[in-house]
Amino acid sequence: MVEYQVLKLDSSFKPLGIISWQDALCLALTQKAWIAETYDQWVHSAREKFKVPAVIVLYQYIKHEYLTIHCTRANVFKRDNNRCQYCFKLCKDHDITLDHIIPKSKGGKFRWKNIVTACKGCNQQKGSNSLHEIDMKLLFPPRQPTYREILKYRFSRFTNNWSNYL
């Protein structure tokens, strides 16, 4: 069976994430959510059959402040759109690196405002220098993205069943 993905919304119809159809069906069967949209596919248990959910809505409202975006490699790639922040070259995931603006060797931490994507050439050119030591400039200052920005990227390849909810 195809691995169907399900859009999970809170009670205010705010997108929360993407989950498996199995998890979505469990949430619906335990009455923690209701199914708003389904795919045309059916699944069978020993005694019943169910349409595969496409969109579920939790009965609970989730406050925005609980939806934090962690500074991870994948999220930095999403924030910077896989573009080198020094030369703006578009790179594939395996051709791009992460660069610490204040190098780790000089106390730089893995934080939103200190990490950017860089092509291998620019990262090698910068080396362990800080920006004021070398003639390189950032095209955009790094910042923590909003929850909505990360979701927008994650949902960029959504199905037609999701269009009314995004």
N, C-alpha and C. Protein backbone atom coordinates (compact mmCIF):
# COMPACT_ATOMS: atom_id res chain seq x y z
N MET A 1 0.84 -1.19 0.00
CA MET A 1 0.00 0.00 0.00
C MET A 1 0.88 1.25 0.00
N VAL A 2 0.45 2.25 -0.73
CA VAL A 2 1.16 3.52 -0.78
C VAL A 2 1.17 4.14 0.62
N GLU A 3 2.27 4.79 0.97
CA GLU A 3 2.37 5.44 2.29
C GLU A 3 1.69 6.81 2.21
N TYR A 4 0.45 6.86 2.65
CA TYR A 4 -0.32 8.10 2.63
C TYR A 4 0.08 8.98 3.80
N GLN A 5 0.19 10.26 3.55
CA GLN A 5 0.48 11.22 4.61
C GLN A 5 -0.79 12.00 4.92
N VAL A 6 -0.89 12.40 6.18
CA VAL A 6 -2.10 13.07 6.65
C VAL A 6 -1.73 14.43 7.24
N LEU A 7 -2.47 15.45 6.86
CA LEU A 7 -2.29 16.78 7.42
C LEU A 7 -3.02 16.83 8.76
N LYS A 8 -2.29 17.21 9.81
CA LYS A 8 -2.88 17.31 11.15
C LYS A 8 -3.09 18.77 11.49
N LEU A 9 -4.33 19.12 11.86
CA LEU A 9 -4.71 20.49 12.22
C LEU A 9 -5.15 20.51 13.68
N ASP A 10 -5.02 21.67 14.33
CA ASP A 10 -5.60 21.79 15.67
C ASP A 10 -7.05 22.23 15.54
N SER A 11 -7.73 22.45 16.64
CA SER A 11 -9.17 22.76 16.60
C SER A 11 -9.47 24.10 15.92
N SER A 12 -8.47 24.97 15.78
CA SER A 12 -8.68 26.23 15.06
C SER A 12 -8.28 26.10 13.59
N PHE A 13 -8.04 24.87 13.14
CA PHE A 13 -7.65 24.55 11.77
C PHE A 13 -6.26 25.07 11.41
N LYS A 14 -5.41 25.26 12.42
CA LYS A 14 -4.02 25.67 12.20
C LYS A 14 -3.20 24.41 11.90
N PRO A 15 -2.45 24.39 10.79
CA PRO A 15 -1.63 23.22 10.47
C PRO A 15 -0.57 22.96 11.54
N LEU A 16 -0.49 21.72 11.98
CA LEU A 16 0.49 21.34 13.01
C LEU A 16 1.60 20.47 12.45
N GLY A 17 1.29 19.66 11.47
CA GLY A 17 2.31 18.78 10.94
C GLY A 17 1.71 17.73 10.02
N ILE A 18 2.58 16.83 9.62
CA ILE A 18 2.20 15.73 8.75
C ILE A 18 2.46 14.44 9.52
N ILE A 19 1.49 13.55 9.54
CA ILE A 19 1.64 12.28 10.24
C ILE A 19 1.24 11.14 9.30
N SER A 20 1.51 9.92 9.73
CA SER A 20 1.14 8.76 8.93
C SER A 20 -0.36 8.54 9.01
N TRP A 21 -0.91 7.83 8.04
CA TRP A 21 -2.35 7.56 8.05
C TRP A 21 -2.70 6.66 9.23
N GLN A 22 -1.76 5.79 9.65
CA GLN A 22 -2.02 4.91 10.79
C GLN A 22 -2.19 5.72 12.07
N ASP A 23 -1.28 6.70 12.30
CA ASP A 23 -1.39 7.55 13.48
C ASP A 23 -2.67 8.38 13.44
N ALA A 24 -3.02 8.86 12.27
CA ALA A 24 -4.23 9.67 12.13
C ALA A 24 -5.47 8.83 12.43
N LEU A 25 -5.49 7.63 11.94
CA LEU A 25 -6.64 6.76 12.19
C LEU A 25 -6.75 6.44 13.68
N CYS A 26 -5.62 6.21 14.34
CA CYS A 26 -5.62 5.96 15.79
C CYS A 26 -6.17 7.17 16.56
N LEU A 27 -5.75 8.37 16.17
CA LEU A 27 -6.27 9.58 16.83
C LEU A 27 -7.78 9.71 16.65
N ALA A 28 -8.26 9.36 15.47
CA ALA A 28 -9.70 9.44 15.22
C ALA A 28 -10.46 8.36 15.99
N LEU A 29 -9.93 7.15 16.02
CA LEU A 29 -10.61 6.06 16.71
C LEU A 29 -10.61 6.24 18.23
N THR A 30 -9.62 6.92 18.75
CA THR A 30 -9.58 7.19 20.20
C THR A 30 -10.27 8.51 20.54
N GLN A 31 -10.93 9.10 19.56
CA GLN A 31 -11.71 10.33 19.70
C GLN A 31 -10.88 11.52 20.18
N LYS A 32 -9.64 11.59 19.72
CA LYS A 32 -8.80 12.76 19.98
C LYS A 32 -8.83 13.71 18.79
N ALA A 33 -9.37 13.21 17.66
CA ALA A 33 -9.46 14.01 16.44
C ALA A 33 -10.63 13.50 15.61
N TRP A 34 -11.04 14.32 14.64
CA TRP A 34 -12.04 13.87 13.68
C TRP A 34 -11.46 13.99 12.28
N ILE A 35 -11.96 13.18 11.40
CA ILE A 35 -11.45 13.12 10.03
C ILE A 35 -12.21 14.12 9.17
N ALA A 36 -11.48 15.08 8.60
CA ALA A 36 -12.09 16.12 7.78
C ALA A 36 -12.11 15.75 6.29
N GLU A 37 -11.07 15.06 5.84
CA GLU A 37 -10.96 14.65 4.44
C GLU A 37 -10.38 13.24 4.39
N THR A 38 -10.74 12.49 3.36
CA THR A 38 -10.20 11.14 3.18
C THR A 38 -9.68 10.95 1.77
N TYR A 39 -8.80 9.96 1.62
CA TYR A 39 -8.37 9.51 0.30
C TYR A 39 -9.41 8.51 -0.20
N ASP A 40 -9.30 8.08 -1.44
CA ASP A 40 -10.23 7.09 -2.00
C ASP A 40 -9.83 5.66 -1.63
N GLN A 41 -8.80 5.51 -0.84
CA GLN A 41 -8.29 4.19 -0.45
C GLN A 41 -8.97 3.71 0.84
N TRP A 42 -9.22 2.40 0.91
CA TRP A 42 -9.80 1.79 2.11
C TRP A 42 -8.77 0.88 2.77
N VAL A 43 -8.84 0.78 4.10
CA VAL A 43 -8.03 -0.19 4.86
C VAL A 43 -8.99 -1.04 5.68
N HIS A 44 -8.56 -2.25 5.97
CA HIS A 44 -9.43 -3.20 6.67
C HIS A 44 -8.79 -3.67 7.96
N SER A 45 -9.60 -3.77 8.99
CA SER A 45 -9.19 -4.43 10.22
C SER A 45 -9.86 -5.80 10.21
N ALA A 46 -9.80 -6.52 11.29
CA ALA A 46 -10.44 -7.84 11.34
C ALA A 46 -11.95 -7.73 11.20
N ARG A 47 -12.53 -6.63 11.68
CA ARG A 47 -13.99 -6.52 11.70
C ARG A 47 -14.56 -5.34 10.91
N GLU A 48 -13.74 -4.35 10.61
CA GLU A 48 -14.27 -3.15 9.96
C GLU A 48 -13.37 -2.70 8.83
N LYS A 49 -13.90 -1.78 8.03
CA LYS A 49 -13.07 -1.13 7.03
C LYS A 49 -13.21 0.38 7.19
N PHE A 50 -12.14 1.08 6.86
CA PHE A 50 -12.07 2.54 7.05
C PHE A 50 -11.47 3.18 5.82
N LYS A 51 -11.94 4.38 5.50
CA LYS A 51 -11.29 5.17 4.46
C LYS A 51 -10.01 5.75 5.05
N VAL A 52 -8.97 5.83 4.26
CA VAL A 52 -7.69 6.38 4.72
C VAL A 52 -7.84 7.88 4.88
N PRO A 53 -7.53 8.41 6.09
CA PRO A 53 -7.66 9.86 6.31
C PRO A 53 -6.63 10.66 5.50
N ALA A 54 -7.04 11.83 5.06
CA ALA A 54 -6.13 12.76 4.38
C ALA A 54 -5.88 14.00 5.25
N VAL A 55 -6.92 14.43 5.98
CA VAL A 55 -6.82 15.59 6.88
C VAL A 55 -7.57 15.23 8.16
N ILE A 56 -6.90 15.44 9.31
CA ILE A 56 -7.60 15.26 10.58
C ILE A 56 -7.53 16.56 11.37
N VAL A 57 -8.52 16.74 12.24
CA VAL A 57 -8.59 17.93 13.08
C VAL A 57 -8.66 17.48 14.53
N LEU A 58 -7.69 17.93 15.33
CA LEU A 58 -7.69 17.60 16.75
C LEU A 58 -8.84 18.32 17.44
N TYR A 59 -9.34 17.74 18.50
CA TYR A 59 -10.37 18.42 19.29
C TYR A 59 -9.74 19.47 20.20
N GLN A 60 -8.44 19.49 20.26
CA GLN A 60 -7.70 20.38 21.16
C GLN A 60 -7.08 21.54 20.39
N TYR A 61 -7.04 22.72 21.03
CA TYR A 61 -6.36 23.88 20.49
C TYR A 61 -4.90 23.85 20.98
N ILE A 62 -3.94 24.11 20.11
CA ILE A 62 -2.52 24.13 20.47
C ILE A 62 -2.03 25.57 20.40
N LYS A 63 -1.52 26.08 21.53
CA LYS A 63 -1.01 27.45 21.55
C LYS A 63 0.26 27.55 20.71
N HIS A 64 0.39 28.69 20.03
CA HIS A 64 1.54 28.90 19.14
C HIS A 64 2.89 28.82 19.88
N GLU A 65 2.94 29.29 21.13
CA GLU A 65 4.23 29.32 21.82
C GLU A 65 4.79 27.93 22.10
N TYR A 66 3.95 26.90 22.00
CA TYR A 66 4.44 25.54 22.20
C TYR A 66 5.03 24.96 20.93
N LEU A 67 4.84 25.66 19.83
CA LEU A 67 5.33 25.19 18.54
C LEU A 67 6.68 25.84 18.24
N THR A 68 7.72 25.33 18.83
CA THR A 68 9.04 25.92 18.64
C THR A 68 9.75 25.25 17.47
N ILE A 69 10.53 26.02 16.79
CA ILE A 69 11.32 25.51 15.68
C ILE A 69 12.75 25.33 16.18
N HIS A 70 13.21 24.10 16.18
CA HIS A 70 14.55 23.81 16.67
C HIS A 70 15.57 24.08 15.57
N CYS A 71 16.72 24.53 15.99
CA CYS A 71 17.81 24.81 15.06
C CYS A 71 18.47 23.47 14.70
N THR A 72 18.06 22.92 13.58
CA THR A 72 18.62 21.66 13.09
C THR A 72 19.16 21.89 11.69
N ARG A 73 19.97 20.98 11.25
CA ARG A 73 20.54 21.05 9.91
C ARG A 73 19.43 21.19 8.86
N ALA A 74 18.43 20.32 8.95
CA ALA A 74 17.33 20.35 7.97
C ALA A 74 16.58 21.68 8.01
N ASN A 75 16.33 22.21 9.20
CA ASN A 75 15.59 23.47 9.30
C ASN A 75 16.41 24.66 8.82
N VAL A 76 17.73 24.62 9.00
CA VAL A 76 18.58 25.70 8.46
C VAL A 76 18.56 25.64 6.93
N PHE A 77 18.61 24.42 6.37
CA PHE A 77 18.52 24.29 4.91
C PHE A 77 17.19 24.87 4.42
N LYS A 78 16.10 24.60 5.12
CA LYS A 78 14.79 25.12 4.73
C LYS A 78 14.76 26.64 4.84
N ARG A 79 15.26 27.16 5.96
CA ARG A 79 15.25 28.62 6.16
C ARG A 79 16.00 29.33 5.04
N ASP A 80 17.16 28.79 4.66
CA ASP A 80 18.02 29.43 3.66
C ASP A 80 17.74 28.96 2.23
N ASN A 81 16.71 28.13 2.07
CA ASN A 81 16.31 27.63 0.74
C ASN A 81 17.44 26.97 -0.02
N ASN A 82 18.34 26.29 0.71
CA ASN A 82 19.47 25.58 0.12
C ASN A 82 20.35 26.51 -0.74
N ARG A 83 20.42 27.77 -0.35
CA ARG A 83 21.26 28.73 -1.06
C ARG A 83 22.44 29.13 -0.18
N CYS A 84 23.60 29.25 -0.82
CA CYS A 84 24.78 29.74 -0.11
C CYS A 84 24.50 31.18 0.29
N GLN A 85 24.72 31.50 1.53
CA GLN A 85 24.43 32.84 2.03
C GLN A 85 25.58 33.82 1.76
N TYR A 86 26.61 33.34 1.06
CA TYR A 86 27.72 34.21 0.66
C TYR A 86 27.67 34.54 -0.84
N CYS A 87 27.42 33.52 -1.68
CA CYS A 87 27.38 33.77 -3.14
C CYS A 87 26.00 33.53 -3.74
N PHE A 88 25.04 33.07 -2.96
CA PHE A 88 23.64 32.83 -3.33
C PHE A 88 23.47 31.71 -4.35
N LYS A 89 24.45 30.83 -4.44
CA LYS A 89 24.36 29.67 -5.33
C LYS A 89 23.36 28.67 -4.75
N LEU A 90 22.46 28.15 -5.61
CA LEU A 90 21.50 27.12 -5.21
C LEU A 90 22.21 25.78 -5.23
N CYS A 91 22.12 25.04 -4.13
CA CYS A 91 22.85 23.77 -3.99
C CYS A 91 21.90 22.64 -3.64
N LYS A 92 22.31 21.42 -3.96
CA LYS A 92 21.58 20.23 -3.52
C LYS A 92 22.05 19.93 -2.10
N ASP A 93 21.23 19.15 -1.37
CA ASP A 93 21.53 18.85 0.03
C ASP A 93 22.95 18.32 0.22
N HIS A 94 23.42 17.47 -0.69
CA HIS A 94 24.75 16.88 -0.52
C HIS A 94 25.88 17.82 -0.95
N ASP A 95 25.56 18.95 -1.57
CA ASP A 95 26.57 19.91 -2.01
C ASP A 95 26.64 21.16 -1.15
N ILE A 96 25.84 21.22 -0.10
CA ILE A 96 25.81 22.42 0.73
C ILE A 96 26.29 22.08 2.13
N THR A 97 26.87 23.04 2.80
CA THR A 97 27.39 22.84 4.15
C THR A 97 26.80 23.89 5.08
N LEU A 98 27.02 23.68 6.35
CA LEU A 98 26.64 24.68 7.34
C LEU A 98 27.89 25.42 7.77
N ASP A 99 27.78 26.73 7.92
CA ASP A 99 28.92 27.54 8.34
C ASP A 99 28.56 28.32 9.60
N HIS A 100 29.46 28.27 10.56
CA HIS A 100 29.31 29.08 11.78
C HIS A 100 29.87 30.47 11.48
N ILE A 101 29.06 31.50 11.61
CA ILE A 101 29.53 32.86 11.35
C ILE A 101 30.66 33.20 12.32
N ILE A 102 30.43 33.00 13.60
CA ILE A 102 31.53 33.02 14.57
C ILE A 102 31.99 31.57 14.67
N PRO A 103 33.19 31.25 14.18
CA PRO A 103 33.62 29.85 14.12
C PRO A 103 33.57 29.15 15.48
N LYS A 104 33.35 27.85 15.42
CA LYS A 104 33.32 27.05 16.65
C LYS A 104 34.64 27.18 17.40
N SER A 105 35.74 27.32 16.66
CA SER A 105 37.05 27.43 17.30
C SER A 105 37.20 28.74 18.08
N LYS A 106 36.29 29.69 17.82
CA LYS A 106 36.32 30.98 18.53
C LYS A 106 35.10 31.15 19.43
N GLY A 107 34.48 30.02 19.78
CA GLY A 107 33.36 30.06 20.72
C GLY A 107 31.98 30.14 20.10
N GLY A 108 31.89 30.07 18.78
CA GLY A 108 30.59 30.14 18.11
C GLY A 108 29.74 28.91 18.39
N LYS A 109 28.48 29.12 18.63
CA LYS A 109 27.55 28.04 18.96
C LYS A 109 26.64 27.72 17.77
N PHE A 110 26.02 26.56 17.83
CA PHE A 110 25.06 26.15 16.81
C PHE A 110 23.72 26.78 17.17
N ARG A 111 23.52 28.03 16.77
CA ARG A 111 22.32 28.80 17.06
C ARG A 111 21.82 29.44 15.77
N TRP A 112 20.53 29.76 15.74
CA TRP A 112 19.94 30.33 14.54
C TRP A 112 20.71 31.54 14.01
N LYS A 113 21.15 32.43 14.89
CA LYS A 113 21.80 33.67 14.44
C LYS A 113 23.29 33.49 14.15
N ASN A 114 23.82 32.27 14.32
CA ASN A 114 25.24 32.03 14.07
C ASN A 114 25.48 30.97 13.01
N ILE A 115 24.43 30.44 12.42
CA ILE A 115 24.62 29.36 11.46
C ILE A 115 23.93 29.70 10.14
N VAL A 116 24.62 29.48 9.03
CA VAL A 116 24.06 29.72 7.70
C VAL A 116 24.49 28.60 6.77
N THR A 117 23.78 28.48 5.65
CA THR A 117 24.20 27.53 4.63
C THR A 117 25.27 28.19 3.76
N ALA A 118 26.21 27.36 3.32
CA ALA A 118 27.30 27.85 2.47
C ALA A 118 27.68 26.75 1.49
N CYS A 119 27.97 27.14 0.27
CA CYS A 119 28.47 26.15 -0.69
C CYS A 119 29.85 25.71 -0.21
N LYS A 120 30.31 24.59 -0.69
CA LYS A 120 31.60 24.07 -0.22
C LYS A 120 32.74 25.04 -0.49
N GLY A 121 32.70 25.72 -1.66
CA GLY A 121 33.76 26.66 -2.00
C GLY A 121 33.83 27.85 -1.05
N CYS A 122 32.68 28.45 -0.76
CA CYS A 122 32.65 29.61 0.15
C CYS A 122 33.01 29.20 1.57
N ASN A 123 32.55 28.03 2.01
CA ASN A 123 32.86 27.58 3.36
C ASN A 123 34.35 27.32 3.49
N GLN A 124 34.95 26.74 2.46
CA GLN A 124 36.38 26.48 2.49
C GLN A 124 37.17 27.80 2.45
N GLN A 125 36.71 28.76 1.66
CA GLN A 125 37.37 30.06 1.57
C GLN A 125 37.32 30.79 2.92
N LYS A 126 36.18 30.71 3.60
CA LYS A 126 36.03 31.38 4.89
C LYS A 126 36.86 30.68 5.96
N GLY A 127 36.88 29.35 5.90
CA GLY A 127 37.66 28.59 6.88
C GLY A 127 37.24 28.89 8.30
N SER A 128 38.19 29.04 9.19
CA SER A 128 37.88 29.32 10.60
C SER A 128 38.02 30.81 10.91
N ASN A 129 37.88 31.64 9.89
CA ASN A 129 37.94 33.09 10.08
C ASN A 129 36.55 33.62 10.39
N SER A 130 36.49 34.72 11.11
CA SER A 130 35.21 35.41 11.27
C SER A 130 35.07 36.38 10.11
N LEU A 131 33.87 36.89 9.90
CA LEU A 131 33.61 37.73 8.74
C LEU A 131 34.46 39.00 8.71
N HIS A 132 34.75 39.57 9.87
CA HIS A 132 35.54 40.80 9.87
C HIS A 132 37.02 40.53 9.59
N GLU A 133 37.45 39.27 9.64
CA GLU A 133 38.85 38.92 9.36
C GLU A 133 39.08 38.63 7.87
N ILE A 134 38.04 38.41 7.15
CA ILE A 134 38.15 38.03 5.74
C ILE A 134 37.15 38.87 4.95
N ASP A 135 37.40 39.10 3.69
CA ASP A 135 36.54 39.96 2.87
C ASP A 135 35.35 39.18 2.32
N MET A 136 34.46 38.76 3.24
CA MET A 136 33.22 38.07 2.84
C MET A 136 32.07 38.70 3.59
N LYS A 137 30.92 38.73 2.92
CA LYS A 137 29.73 39.31 3.54
C LYS A 137 28.56 38.36 3.35
N LEU A 138 27.68 38.36 4.33
CA LEU A 138 26.44 37.60 4.23
C LEU A 138 25.44 38.36 3.39
N LEU A 139 24.71 37.67 2.54
CA LEU A 139 23.67 38.32 1.75
C LEU A 139 22.47 38.69 2.60
N PHE A 140 22.14 37.82 3.58
CA PHE A 140 21.02 38.07 4.48
C PHE A 140 21.45 37.71 5.90
N PRO A 141 21.11 38.53 6.88
CA PRO A 141 21.46 38.17 8.26
C PRO A 141 20.64 36.96 8.70
N PRO A 142 21.25 36.00 9.36
CA PRO A 142 20.50 34.82 9.80
C PRO A 142 19.52 35.17 10.92
N ARG A 143 18.40 34.46 10.95
CA ARG A 143 17.38 34.68 11.97
C ARG A 143 16.63 33.39 12.21
N GLN A 144 15.92 33.34 13.30
CA GLN A 144 15.08 32.19 13.58
C GLN A 144 13.81 32.30 12.74
N PRO A 145 13.49 31.28 11.95
CA PRO A 145 12.28 31.35 11.14
C PRO A 145 11.03 31.18 12.00
N THR A 146 9.93 31.60 11.47
CA THR A 146 8.67 31.40 12.17
C THR A 146 8.19 29.97 11.91
N TYR A 147 7.30 29.52 12.76
CA TYR A 147 6.72 28.19 12.61
C TYR A 147 6.01 28.08 11.26
N ARG A 148 5.30 29.13 10.87
CA ARG A 148 4.57 29.13 9.61
C ARG A 148 5.51 29.01 8.41
N GLU A 149 6.68 29.65 8.46
CA GLU A 149 7.63 29.57 7.34
C GLU A 149 8.13 28.14 7.14
N ILE A 150 8.43 27.46 8.24
CA ILE A 150 8.90 26.08 8.14
C ILE A 150 7.78 25.18 7.63
N LEU A 151 6.56 25.38 8.12
CA LEU A 151 5.43 24.58 7.65
C LEU A 151 5.17 24.81 6.17
N LYS A 152 5.29 26.04 5.73
CA LYS A 152 5.06 26.37 4.33
C LYS A 152 6.02 25.57 3.44
N TYR A 153 7.27 25.46 3.86
CA TYR A 153 8.24 24.69 3.10
C TYR A 153 7.88 23.20 3.14
N ARG A 154 7.56 22.71 4.33
CA ARG A 154 7.24 21.29 4.48
C ARG A 154 6.01 20.90 3.67
N PHE A 155 5.03 21.80 3.55
CA PHE A 155 3.80 21.50 2.86
C PHE A 155 3.83 21.93 1.39
N SER A 156 4.99 22.28 0.87
CA SER A 156 5.05 22.80 -0.49
C SER A 156 4.59 21.77 -1.51
N ARG A 157 4.65 20.49 -1.18
CA ARG A 157 4.22 19.44 -2.10
C ARG A 157 2.96 18.77 -1.57
N PHE A 158 1.96 19.57 -1.17
CA PHE A 158 0.76 19.01 -0.57
C PHE A 158 -0.17 18.39 -1.61
N THR A 159 -1.07 17.57 -1.12
CA THR A 159 -2.04 16.93 -2.00
C THR A 159 -3.26 17.83 -2.17
N ASN A 160 -4.09 17.53 -3.15
CA ASN A 160 -5.30 18.32 -3.39
C ASN A 160 -6.24 18.30 -2.20
N ASN A 161 -6.23 17.21 -1.42
CA ASN A 161 -7.11 17.12 -0.25
C ASN A 161 -6.76 18.19 0.79
N TRP A 162 -5.56 18.70 0.75
CA TRP A 162 -5.09 19.64 1.76
C TRP A 162 -5.31 21.10 1.36
N SER A 163 -5.60 21.38 0.11
CA SER A 163 -5.60 22.75 -0.39
C SER A 163 -6.55 23.69 0.37
N ASN A 164 -7.67 23.19 0.84
CA ASN A 164 -8.61 24.05 1.58
C ASN A 164 -8.12 24.41 2.98
N TYR A 165 -7.08 23.74 3.47
CA TYR A 165 -6.64 23.91 4.85
C TYR A 165 -5.31 24.64 4.97
N LEU A 166 -4.66 24.91 3.87
CA LEU A 166 -3.35 25.58 3.93
C LEU A 166 -3.41 27.00 3.40
